[in-house]
Amino acid sequence: MSFTNQEIRTLRQRLGWSIAEMARQLGCSSELICKWETGGLLPSSEVLNQLRYLKSHVENNSEQMSQKPALEREMESRRVGQMTHRDLLKDN
């Protein structure tokens, strides 16, 4: 099973990850993630296996994971219109 560039982007968004976070999680550069998401390059077979695993995780936990990125969900739960990374570190 291969992934289209849009499927990679959608998966990343459903995980609530930024491009930088996905790069960190997969052990590659942000530039590489951008190339995958724009269709400029295809992921290696090793990365495809990781993406399959992540997609399975999202699908198996779909009731717990919404289409919204994690930050948006957190903003809604705190009823705020704007947040910074420092806000996320606070214990509320």
PDB file of N, CA and C in Angstrom:
ATOM      1  N   MET A   1       0.833  -1.177   0.000  1.00  0.00           N
ATOM      2  CA  MET A   1       0.000   0.000   0.000  1.00  0.00           C
ATOM      3  C   MET A   1       0.877   1.240   0.000  1.00  0.00           C
ATOM      4  N   SER A   2       0.612   2.112  -0.922  1.00  0.00           N
ATOM      5  CA  SER A   2       1.345   3.358  -1.022  1.00  0.00           C
ATOM      6  C   SER A   2       0.489   4.498  -0.484  1.00  0.00           C
ATOM      7  N   PHE A   3       1.099   5.622  -0.216  1.00  0.00           N
ATOM      8  CA  PHE A   3       0.399   6.796   0.278  1.00  0.00           C
ATOM      9  C   PHE A   3       0.531   7.921  -0.738  1.00  0.00           C
ATOM     10  N   THR A   4      -0.560   8.622  -0.994  1.00  0.00           N
ATOM     11  CA  THR A   4      -0.476   9.817  -1.821  1.00  0.00           C
ATOM     12  C   THR A   4       0.023  10.963  -0.951  1.00  0.00           C
ATOM     13  N   ASN A   5       0.444  12.031  -1.589  1.00  0.00           N
ATOM     14  CA  ASN A   5       0.904  13.181  -0.820  1.00  0.00           C
ATOM     15  C   ASN A   5      -0.211  13.721   0.077  1.00  0.00           C
ATOM     16  N   GLN A   6      -1.444  13.724  -0.400  1.00  0.00           N
ATOM     17  CA  GLN A   6      -2.561  14.214   0.411  1.00  0.00           C
ATOM     18  C   GLN A   6      -2.840  13.285   1.590  1.00  0.00           C
ATOM     19  N   GLU A   7      -2.695  11.982   1.404  1.00  0.00           N
ATOM     20  CA  GLU A   7      -2.901  11.034   2.499  1.00  0.00           C
ATOM     21  C   GLU A   7      -1.865  11.228   3.600  1.00  0.00           C
ATOM     22  N   ILE A   8      -0.641  11.552   3.214  1.00  0.00           N
ATOM     23  CA  ILE A   8       0.407  11.802   4.201  1.00  0.00           C
ATOM     24  C   ILE A   8       0.062  13.054   5.007  1.00  0.00           C
ATOM     25  N   ARG A   9      -0.350  14.105   4.311  1.00  0.00           N
ATOM     26  CA  ARG A   9      -0.725  15.350   4.992  1.00  0.00           C
ATOM     27  C   ARG A   9      -1.918  15.118   5.921  1.00  0.00           C
ATOM     28  N   THR A  10      -2.931  14.417   5.434  1.00  0.00           N
ATOM     29  CA  THR A  10      -4.125  14.155   6.249  1.00  0.00           C
ATOM     30  C   THR A  10      -3.770  13.336   7.488  1.00  0.00           C
ATOM     31  N   LEU A  11      -2.923  12.326   7.321  1.00  0.00           N
ATOM     32  CA  LEU A  11      -2.496  11.515   8.450  1.00  0.00           C
ATOM     33  C   LEU A  11      -1.786  12.376   9.493  1.00  0.00           C
ATOM     34  N   ARG A  12      -0.876  13.216   9.025  1.00  0.00           N
ATOM     35  CA  ARG A  12      -0.152  14.102   9.945  1.00  0.00           C
ATOM     36  C   ARG A  12      -1.129  15.005  10.703  1.00  0.00           C
ATOM     37  N   GLN A  13      -2.080  15.557  10.002  1.00  0.00           N
ATOM     38  CA  GLN A  13      -3.053  16.446  10.631  1.00  0.00           C
ATOM     39  C   GLN A  13      -3.943  15.702  11.615  1.00  0.00           C
ATOM     40  N   ARG A  14      -4.354  14.494  11.266  1.00  0.00           N
ATOM     41  CA  ARG A  14      -5.187  13.713  12.184  1.00  0.00           C
ATOM     42  C   ARG A  14      -4.425  13.333  13.441  1.00  0.00           C
ATOM     43  N   LEU A  15      -3.115  13.201  13.337  1.00  0.00           N
ATOM     44  CA  LEU A  15      -2.290  12.935  14.512  1.00  0.00           C
ATOM     45  C   LEU A  15      -2.082  14.194  15.347  1.00  0.00           C
ATOM     46  N   GLY A  16      -2.394  15.342  14.751  1.00  0.00           N
ATOM     47  CA  GLY A  16      -2.198  16.606  15.449  1.00  0.00           C
ATOM     48  C   GLY A  16      -0.755  17.058  15.448  1.00  0.00           C
ATOM     49  N   TRP A  17       0.020  16.588  14.479  1.00  0.00           N
ATOM     50  CA  TRP A  17       1.444  16.892  14.415  1.00  0.00           C
ATOM     51  C   TRP A  17       1.725  18.009  13.430  1.00  0.00           C
ATOM     52  N   SER A  18       2.682  18.842  13.779  1.00  0.00           N
ATOM     53  CA  SER A  18       3.225  19.805  12.826  1.00  0.00           C
ATOM     54  C   SER A  18       4.173  19.042  11.900  1.00  0.00           C
ATOM     55  N   ILE A  19       4.630  19.712  10.877  1.00  0.00           N
ATOM     56  CA  ILE A  19       5.619  19.097   9.990  1.00  0.00           C
ATOM     57  C   ILE A  19       6.882  18.761  10.785  1.00  0.00           C
ATOM     58  N   ALA A  20       7.291  19.683  11.657  1.00  0.00           N
ATOM     59  CA  ALA A  20       8.496  19.449  12.465  1.00  0.00           C
ATOM     60  C   ALA A  20       8.325  18.249  13.395  1.00  0.00           C
ATOM     61  N   GLU A  21       7.136  18.112  13.984  1.00  0.00           N
ATOM     62  CA  GLU A  21       6.898  16.978  14.892  1.00  0.00           C
ATOM     63  C   GLU A  21       6.903  15.660  14.124  1.00  0.00           C
ATOM     64  N   MET A  22       6.293  15.647  12.948  1.00  0.00           N
ATOM     65  CA  MET A  22       6.295  14.410  12.159  1.00  0.00           C
ATOM     66  C   MET A  22       7.726  14.046  11.776  1.00  0.00           C
ATOM     67  N   ALA A  23       8.502  15.039  11.408  1.00  0.00           N
ATOM     68  CA  ALA A  23       9.905  14.788  11.056  1.00  0.00           C
ATOM     69  C   ALA A  23      10.653  14.199  12.252  1.00  0.00           C
ATOM     70  N   ARG A  24      10.413  14.763  13.421  1.00  0.00           N
ATOM     71  CA  ARG A  24      11.074  14.252  14.630  1.00  0.00           C
ATOM     72  C   ARG A  24      10.648  12.816  14.918  1.00  0.00           C
ATOM     73  N   GLN A  25       9.371  12.541  14.802  1.00  0.00           N
ATOM     74  CA  GLN A  25       8.856  11.208  15.089  1.00  0.00           C
ATOM     75  C   GLN A  25       9.375  10.163  14.099  1.00  0.00           C
ATOM     76  N   LEU A  26       9.534  10.561  12.851  1.00  0.00           N
ATOM     77  CA  LEU A  26       9.990   9.619  11.826  1.00  0.00           C
ATOM     78  C   LEU A  26      11.510   9.634  11.648  1.00  0.00           C
ATOM     79  N   GLY A  27      12.188  10.548  12.332  1.00  0.00           N
ATOM     80  CA  GLY A  27      13.650  10.592  12.251  1.00  0.00           C
ATOM     81  C   GLY A  27      14.172  11.114  10.932  1.00  0.00           C
ATOM     82  N   CYS A  28      13.504  12.130  10.401  1.00  0.00           N
ATOM     83  CA  CYS A  28      13.953  12.725   9.144  1.00  0.00           C
ATOM     84  C   CYS A  28      13.835  14.243   9.239  1.00  0.00           C
ATOM     85  N   SER A  29      14.055  14.929   8.146  1.00  0.00           N
ATOM     86  CA  SER A  29      14.003  16.396   8.162  1.00  0.00           C
ATOM     87  C   SER A  29      12.609  16.907   7.804  1.00  0.00           C
ATOM     88  N   SER A  30      12.340  18.126   8.220  1.00  0.00           N
ATOM     89  CA  SER A  30      11.080  18.783   7.867  1.00  0.00           C
ATOM     90  C   SER A  30      10.978  18.970   6.355  1.00  0.00           C
ATOM     91  N   GLU A  31      12.115  19.228   5.733  1.00  0.00           N
ATOM     92  CA  GLU A  31      12.129  19.416   4.283  1.00  0.00           C
ATOM     93  C   GLU A  31      11.662  18.144   3.568  1.00  0.00           C
ATOM     94  N   LEU A  32      12.056  16.999   4.101  1.00  0.00           N
ATOM     95  CA  LEU A  32      11.645  15.733   3.507  1.00  0.00           C
ATOM     96  C   LEU A  32      10.132  15.535   3.632  1.00  0.00           C
ATOM     97  N   ILE A  33       9.569  15.870   4.793  1.00  0.00           N
ATOM     98  CA  ILE A  33       8.122  15.775   4.983  1.00  0.00           C
ATOM     99  C   ILE A  33       7.414  16.676   3.968  1.00  0.00           C
ATOM    100  N   CYS A  34       7.918  17.885   3.798  1.00  0.00           N
ATOM    101  CA  CYS A  34       7.329  18.815   2.824  1.00  0.00           C
ATOM    102  C   CYS A  34       7.362  18.235   1.416  1.00  0.00           C
ATOM    103  N   LYS A  35       8.448  17.597   1.065  1.00  0.00           N
ATOM    104  CA  LYS A  35       8.550  16.986  -0.274  1.00  0.00           C
ATOM    105  C   LYS A  35       7.537  15.868  -0.439  1.00  0.00           C
ATOM    106  N   TRP A  36       7.331  15.066   0.613  1.00  0.00           N
ATOM    107  CA  TRP A  36       6.321  14.004   0.539  1.00  0.00           C
ATOM    108  C   TRP A  36       4.938  14.600   0.374  1.00  0.00           C
ATOM    109  N   GLU A  37       4.645  15.658   1.136  1.00  0.00           N
ATOM    110  CA  GLU A  37       3.307  16.242   1.122  1.00  0.00           C
ATOM    111  C   GLU A  37       3.002  17.025  -0.145  1.00  0.00           C
ATOM    112  N   THR A  38       4.019  17.478  -0.834  1.00  0.00           N
ATOM    113  CA  THR A  38       3.789  18.191  -2.089  1.00  0.00           C
ATOM    114  C   THR A  38       3.930  17.280  -3.304  1.00  0.00           C
ATOM    115  N   GLY A  39       4.278  16.038  -3.061  1.00  0.00           N
ATOM    116  CA  GLY A  39       4.405  15.087  -4.164  1.00  0.00           C
ATOM    117  C   GLY A  39       5.743  15.134  -4.866  1.00  0.00           C
ATOM    118  N   GLY A  40       6.699  15.855  -4.294  1.00  0.00           N
ATOM    119  CA  GLY A  40       8.016  15.974  -4.908  1.00  0.00           C
ATOM    120  C   GLY A  40       8.901  14.755  -4.724  1.00  0.00           C
ATOM    121  N   LEU A  41       8.540  13.899  -3.764  1.00  0.00           N
ATOM    122  CA  LEU A  41       9.354  12.723  -3.462  1.00  0.00           C
ATOM    123  C   LEU A  41       8.475  11.689  -2.792  1.00  0.00           C
ATOM    124  N   LEU A  42       8.760  10.425  -3.033  1.00  0.00           N
ATOM    125  CA  LEU A  42       8.009   9.347  -2.378  1.00  0.00           C
ATOM    126  C   LEU A  42       8.781   8.834  -1.173  1.00  0.00           C
ATOM    127  N   PRO A  43       8.081   8.483  -0.099  1.00  0.00           N
ATOM    128  CA  PRO A  43       8.760   7.926   1.078  1.00  0.00           C
ATOM    129  C   PRO A  43       9.397   6.576   0.766  1.00  0.00           C
ATOM    130  N   SER A  44      10.438   6.246   1.502  1.00  0.00           N
ATOM    131  CA  SER A  44      11.097   4.945   1.357  1.00  0.00           C
ATOM    132  C   SER A  44      10.170   3.849   1.874  1.00  0.00           C
ATOM    133  N   SER A  45      10.504   2.608   1.593  1.00  0.00           N
ATOM    134  CA  SER A  45       9.673   1.493   2.063  1.00  0.00           C
ATOM    135  C   SER A  45       9.641   1.421   3.590  1.00  0.00           C
ATOM    136  N   GLU A  46      10.746   1.773   4.245  1.00  0.00           N
ATOM    137  CA  GLU A  46      10.777   1.788   5.710  1.00  0.00           C
ATOM    138  C   GLU A  46       9.798   2.831   6.262  1.00  0.00           C
ATOM    139  N   VAL A  47       9.787   4.009   5.662  1.00  0.00           N
ATOM    140  CA  VAL A  47       8.869   5.067   6.101  1.00  0.00           C
ATOM    141  C   VAL A  47       7.431   4.672   5.787  1.00  0.00           C
ATOM    142  N   LEU A  48       7.212   4.029   4.646  1.00  0.00           N
ATOM    143  CA  LEU A  48       5.851   3.578   4.319  1.00  0.00           C
ATOM    144  C   LEU A  48       5.331   2.621   5.383  1.00  0.00           C
ATOM    145  N   ASN A  49       6.191   1.764   5.899  1.00  0.00           N
ATOM    146  CA  ASN A  49       5.782   0.867   6.984  1.00  0.00           C
ATOM    147  C   ASN A  49       5.402   1.660   8.229  1.00  0.00           C
ATOM    148  N   GLN A  50       6.169   2.685   8.544  1.00  0.00           N
ATOM    149  CA  GLN A  50       5.849   3.532   9.698  1.00  0.00           C
ATOM    150  C   GLN A  50       4.520   4.256   9.480  1.00  0.00           C
ATOM    151  N   LEU A  51       4.301   4.743   8.265  1.00  0.00           N
ATOM    152  CA  LEU A  51       3.047   5.440   7.951  1.00  0.00           C
ATOM    153  C   LEU A  51       1.853   4.489   8.043  1.00  0.00           C
ATOM    154  N   ARG A  52       2.038   3.261   7.591  1.00  0.00           N
ATOM    155  CA  ARG A  52       0.968   2.257   7.702  1.00  0.00           C
ATOM    156  C   ARG A  52       0.608   2.012   9.168  1.00  0.00           C
ATOM    157  N   TYR A  53       1.629   1.908  10.001  1.00  0.00           N
ATOM    158  CA  TYR A  53       1.404   1.701  11.428  1.00  0.00           C
ATOM    159  C   TYR A  53       0.643   2.883  12.025  1.00  0.00           C
ATOM    160  N   LEU A  54       1.072   4.100  11.699  1.00  0.00           N
ATOM    161  CA  LEU A  54       0.403   5.296  12.211  1.00  0.00           C
ATOM    162  C   LEU A  54      -1.035   5.387  11.722  1.00  0.00           C
ATOM    163  N   LYS A  55      -1.253   5.052  10.465  1.00  0.00           N
ATOM    164  CA  LYS A  55      -2.617   5.086   9.921  1.00  0.00           C
ATOM    165  C   LYS A  55      -3.495   4.075  10.645  1.00  0.00           C
ATOM    166  N   SER A  56      -2.966   2.904  10.906  1.00  0.00           N
ATOM    167  CA  SER A  56      -3.704   1.886  11.644  1.00  0.00           C
ATOM    168  C   SER A  56      -4.052   2.390  13.042  1.00  0.00           C
ATOM    169  N   HIS A  57      -3.098   3.037  13.680  1.00  0.00           N
ATOM    170  CA  HIS A  57      -3.325   3.598  15.010  1.00  0.00           C
ATOM    171  C   HIS A  57      -4.453   4.626  14.974  1.00  0.00           C
ATOM    172  N   VAL A  58      -4.431   5.503  13.995  1.00  0.00           N
ATOM    173  CA  VAL A  58      -5.465   6.532  13.870  1.00  0.00           C
ATOM    174  C   VAL A  58      -6.822   5.887  13.633  1.00  0.00           C
ATOM    175  N   GLU A  59      -6.870   4.915  12.757  1.00  0.00           N
ATOM    176  CA  GLU A  59      -8.145   4.264  12.443  1.00  0.00           C
ATOM    177  C   GLU A  59      -8.686   3.480  13.637  1.00  0.00           C
ATOM    178  N   ASN A  60      -7.814   2.818  14.372  1.00  0.00           N
ATOM    179  CA  ASN A  60      -8.243   2.048  15.539  1.00  0.00           C
ATOM    180  C   ASN A  60      -8.677   2.924  16.700  1.00  0.00           C
ATOM    181  N   ASN A  61      -8.228   4.158  16.700  1.00  0.00           N
ATOM    182  CA  ASN A  61      -8.563   5.090  17.774  1.00  0.00           C
ATOM    183  C   ASN A  61      -9.345   6.283  17.251  1.00  0.00           C
ATOM    184  N   SER A  62     -10.055   6.083  16.151  1.00  0.00           N
ATOM    185  CA  SER A  62     -10.723   7.200  15.487  1.00  0.00           C
ATOM    186  C   SER A  62     -11.765   7.880  16.356  1.00  0.00           C
ATOM    187  N   GLU A  63     -12.387   7.160  17.281  1.00  0.00           N
ATOM    188  CA  GLU A  63     -13.369   7.803  18.152  1.00  0.00           C
ATOM    189  C   GLU A  63     -12.692   8.759  19.117  1.00  0.00           C
ATOM    190  N   GLN A  64     -11.451   8.479  19.460  1.00  0.00           N
ATOM    191  CA  GLN A  64     -10.716   9.334  20.386  1.00  0.00           C
ATOM    192  C   GLN A  64      -9.993  10.457  19.662  1.00  0.00           C
ATOM    193  N   MET A  65      -9.777  10.288  18.373  1.00  0.00           N
ATOM    194  CA  MET A  65      -9.040  11.283  17.604  1.00  0.00           C
ATOM    195  C   MET A  65      -9.985  11.951  16.617  1.00  0.00           C
ATOM    196  N   SER A  66     -10.058  13.238  16.661  1.00  0.00           N
ATOM    197  CA  SER A  66     -10.920  13.947  15.713  1.00  0.00           C
ATOM    198  C   SER A  66     -10.100  14.370  14.504  1.00  0.00           C
ATOM    199  N   GLN A  67     -10.755  14.974  13.546  1.00  0.00           N
ATOM    200  CA  GLN A  67     -10.064  15.491  12.369  1.00  0.00           C
ATOM    201  C   GLN A  67      -9.274  16.751  12.706  1.00  0.00           C
ATOM    202  N   LYS A  68      -9.569  17.364  13.834  1.00  0.00           N
ATOM    203  CA  LYS A  68      -8.907  18.603  14.200  1.00  0.00           C
ATOM    204  C   LYS A  68      -7.542  18.319  14.808  1.00  0.00           C
ATOM    205  N   PRO A  69      -6.571  19.190  14.516  1.00  0.00           N
ATOM    206  CA  PRO A  69      -5.269  19.046  15.151  1.00  0.00           C
ATOM    207  C   PRO A  69      -5.383  19.201  16.668  1.00  0.00           C
ATOM    208  N   ALA A  70      -4.420  18.653  17.376  1.00  0.00           N
ATOM    209  CA  ALA A  70      -4.437  18.642  18.840  1.00  0.00           C
ATOM    210  C   ALA A  70      -4.543  20.044  19.429  1.00  0.00           C
ATOM    211  N   LEU A  71      -3.862  21.008  18.841  1.00  0.00           N
ATOM    212  CA  LEU A  71      -3.906  22.359  19.379  1.00  0.00           C
ATOM    213  C   LEU A  71      -5.318  22.926  19.305  1.00  0.00           C
ATOM    214  N   GLU A  72      -6.004  22.702  18.193  1.00  0.00           N
ATOM    215  CA  GLU A  72      -7.374  23.193  18.068  1.00  0.00           C
ATOM    216  C   GLU A  72      -8.284  22.543  19.100  1.00  0.00           C
ATOM    217  N   ARG A  73      -8.112  21.248  19.324  1.00  0.00           N
ATOM    218  CA  ARG A  73      -8.926  20.562  20.339  1.00  0.00           C
ATOM    219  C   ARG A  73      -8.651  21.155  21.722  1.00  0.00           C
ATOM    220  N   GLU A  74      -7.382  21.423  22.000  1.00  0.00           N
ATOM    221  CA  GLU A  74      -7.020  21.987  23.297  1.00  0.00           C
ATOM    222  C   GLU A  74      -7.587  23.396  23.452  1.00  0.00           C
ATOM    223  N   MET A  75      -7.541  24.184  22.398  1.00  0.00           N
ATOM    224  CA  MET A  75      -8.099  25.536  22.452  1.00  0.00           C
ATOM    225  C   MET A  75      -9.592  25.488  22.739  1.00  0.00           C
ATOM    226  N   GLU A  76     -10.290  24.574  22.100  1.00  0.00           N
ATOM    227  CA  GLU A  76     -11.719  24.437  22.347  1.00  0.00           C
ATOM    228  C   GLU A  76     -11.990  24.015  23.782  1.00  0.00           C
ATOM    229  N   SER A  77     -11.199  23.081  24.299  1.00  0.00           N
ATOM    230  CA  SER A  77     -11.435  22.603  25.656  1.00  0.00           C
ATOM    231  C   SER A  77     -11.174  23.704  26.689  1.00  0.00           C
ATOM    232  N   ARG A  78     -10.239  24.595  26.394  1.00  0.00           N
ATOM    233  CA  ARG A  78      -9.933  25.694  27.309  1.00  0.00           C
ATOM    234  C   ARG A  78     -10.755  26.946  26.993  1.00  0.00           C
ATOM    235  N   ARG A  79     -11.502  26.882  25.899  1.00  0.00           N
ATOM    236  CA  ARG A  79     -12.349  27.999  25.457  1.00  0.00           C
ATOM    237  C   ARG A  79     -11.557  29.278  25.261  1.00  0.00           C
ATOM    238  N   VAL A  80     -10.463  29.145  24.513  1.00  0.00           N
ATOM    239  CA  VAL A  80      -9.645  30.301  24.166  1.00  0.00           C
ATOM    240  C   VAL A  80      -9.499  30.378  22.654  1.00  0.00           C
ATOM    241  N   GLY A  81      -9.222  31.566  22.156  1.00  0.00           N
ATOM    242  CA  GLY A  81      -9.088  31.757  20.715  1.00  0.00           C
ATOM    243  C   GLY A  81      -7.675  31.713  20.211  1.00  0.00           C
ATOM    244  N   GLN A  82      -6.710  31.753  21.129  1.00  0.00           N
ATOM    245  CA  GLN A  82      -5.314  31.773  20.723  1.00  0.00           C
ATOM    246  C   GLN A  82      -4.477  31.162  21.830  1.00  0.00           C
ATOM    247  N   MET A  83      -3.440  30.421  21.446  1.00  0.00           N
ATOM    248  CA  MET A  83      -2.540  29.811  22.421  1.00  0.00           C
ATOM    249  C   MET A  83      -1.125  29.841  21.877  1.00  0.00           C
ATOM    250  N   THR A  84      -0.177  29.789  22.788  1.00  0.00           N
ATOM    251  CA  THR A  84       1.227  29.624  22.412  1.00  0.00           C
ATOM    252  C   THR A  84       1.707  28.297  22.977  1.00  0.00           C
ATOM    253  N   HIS A  85       2.888  27.896  22.604  1.00  0.00           N
ATOM    254  CA  HIS A  85       3.428  26.645  23.130  1.00  0.00           C
ATOM    255  C   HIS A  85       3.611  26.716  24.643  1.00  0.00           C
ATOM    256  N   ARG A  86       3.849  27.901  25.185  1.00  0.00           N
ATOM    257  CA  ARG A  86       3.979  28.050  26.637  1.00  0.00           C
ATOM    258  C   ARG A  86       2.670  27.740  27.344  1.00  0.00           C
ATOM    259  N   ASP A  87       1.549  28.100  26.709  1.00  0.00           N
ATOM    260  CA  ASP A  87       0.240  27.806  27.301  1.00  0.00           C
ATOM    261  C   ASP A  87       0.044  26.310  27.456  1.00  0.00           C
ATOM    262  N   LEU A  88       0.544  25.552  26.502  1.00  0.00           N
ATOM    263  CA  LEU A  88       0.371  24.101  26.544  1.00  0.00           C
ATOM    264  C   LEU A  88       1.203  23.466  27.657  1.00  0.00           C
ATOM    265  N   LEU A  89       2.263  24.143  28.077  1.00  0.00           N
ATOM    266  CA  LEU A  89       3.115  23.609  29.115  1.00  0.00           C
ATOM    267  C   LEU A  89       2.574  23.880  30.514  1.00  0.00           C
ATOM    268  N   LYS A  90       1.640  24.811  30.625  1.00  0.00           N
ATOM    269  CA  LYS A  90       1.074  25.152  31.925  1.00  0.00           C
ATOM    270  C   LYS A  90       0.145  24.048  32.396  1.00  0.00           C
ATOM    271  N   ASP A  91       0.177  23.785  33.673  1.00  0.00           N
ATOM    272  CA  ASP A  91      -0.750  22.815  34.274  1.00  0.00           C
ATOM    273  C   ASP A  91      -2.030  23.534  34.635  1.00  0.00           C
ATOM    274  N   ASN A  92      -3.080  23.313  33.854  1.00  0.00           N
ATOM    275  CA  ASN A  92      -4.384  23.927  34.140  1.00  0.00           C
ATOM    276  C   ASN A  92      -5.390  22.891  34.469  1.00  0.00           C
TER     277      ASN A  92
END
